[in-house]
Amino acid sequence: MEKLFCLGVALGMVGGALLVANSYKARSLVKKSQAEVMQKVDEMMDERLGAMESAEEKKTPKKKEK
């Protein structure tokens, strides 16, 4: 059962790759979707980094400079 599932997934990936490689519309759709996903990932990472920085600032008191 698992072997059959893995085979189906592999054949689906190959079929999808062939479809995208031979179709301009599909290729442009994949590129557009890929750009949107990367933009969302960048936004999420910026939010997490900002949250981590603000948590770190609250955690450690600032030292006075002489």
Protein backbone atom coordinates (compact mmCIF):
# COMPACT_ATOMS: atom_id res chain seq x y z
CA MET A 1 0.00 0.00 0.00
CA GLU A 2 2.76 2.45 0.96
CA LYS A 3 4.83 1.52 -2.09
CA LEU A 4 1.84 2.16 -4.33
CA PHE A 5 1.24 5.53 -2.70
CA CYS A 6 4.89 6.54 -3.13
CA LEU A 7 4.79 5.42 -6.75
CA GLY A 8 1.67 7.51 -7.35
CA VAL A 9 3.27 10.57 -5.76
CA ALA A 10 6.40 10.13 -7.86
CA LEU A 11 4.41 9.71 -11.08
CA GLY A 12 2.32 12.75 -10.20
CA MET A 13 5.43 14.84 -9.65
CA VAL A 14 6.91 13.74 -12.96
CA GLY A 15 3.64 14.39 -14.77
CA GLY A 16 3.34 17.83 -13.18
CA ALA A 17 6.92 18.69 -14.10
CA LEU A 18 6.30 17.66 -17.73
CA LEU A 19 3.10 19.70 -17.83
CA VAL A 20 4.84 22.79 -16.48
CA ALA A 21 7.84 22.34 -18.78
CA ASN A 22 5.64 22.21 -21.87
CA SER A 23 3.07 24.87 -21.01
CA TYR A 24 3.88 28.61 -20.92
CA LYS A 25 0.74 29.42 -18.91
CA ALA A 26 1.51 26.77 -16.30
CA ARG A 27 5.15 27.87 -16.10
CA SER A 28 4.20 31.51 -15.55
CA LEU A 29 1.62 30.48 -12.94
CA VAL A 30 4.26 28.49 -11.06
CA LYS A 31 6.70 31.42 -11.15
CA LYS A 32 4.01 33.82 -9.93
CA SER A 33 2.98 31.51 -7.11
CA GLN A 34 6.60 30.94 -6.15
CA ALA A 35 7.20 34.70 -5.91
CA GLU A 36 4.09 35.13 -3.73
CA VAL A 37 5.20 32.36 -1.37
CA MET A 38 8.69 33.83 -1.07
CA GLN A 39 7.23 37.26 -0.30
CA LYS A 40 4.99 35.82 2.44
CA VAL A 41 7.91 33.87 3.92
CA ASP A 42 10.03 37.04 3.98
CA GLU A 43 7.23 38.93 5.75
CA MET A 44 6.82 36.17 8.33
CA MET A 45 10.56 36.02 8.98
CA ASP A 46 10.71 39.80 9.41
CA GLU A 47 7.85 39.63 11.93
CA ARG A 48 9.53 36.82 13.87
CA LEU A 49 12.89 38.57 13.90
CA GLY A 50 11.22 41.76 15.12
CA ALA A 51 9.43 39.86 17.87
CA MET A 52 12.65 38.15 18.91
CA GLU A 53 14.51 41.48 19.02
CA SER A 54 11.81 43.15 21.08
CA ALA A 55 11.72 40.19 23.47
CA GLU A 56 15.50 40.33 23.79
CA GLU A 57 15.40 44.08 24.52
CA LYS A 58 12.83 43.52 27.26
CA LYS A 59 14.85 40.64 28.68
CA THR A 60 18.22 42.39 28.99
CA PRO A 61 18.48 45.88 30.51
CA LYS A 62 20.46 48.43 28.57
CA LYS A 63 23.90 49.29 29.92
CA LYS A 64 24.73 52.94 30.48
CA GLU A 65 27.56 54.27 28.35
CA LYS A 66 30.30 56.33 29.97
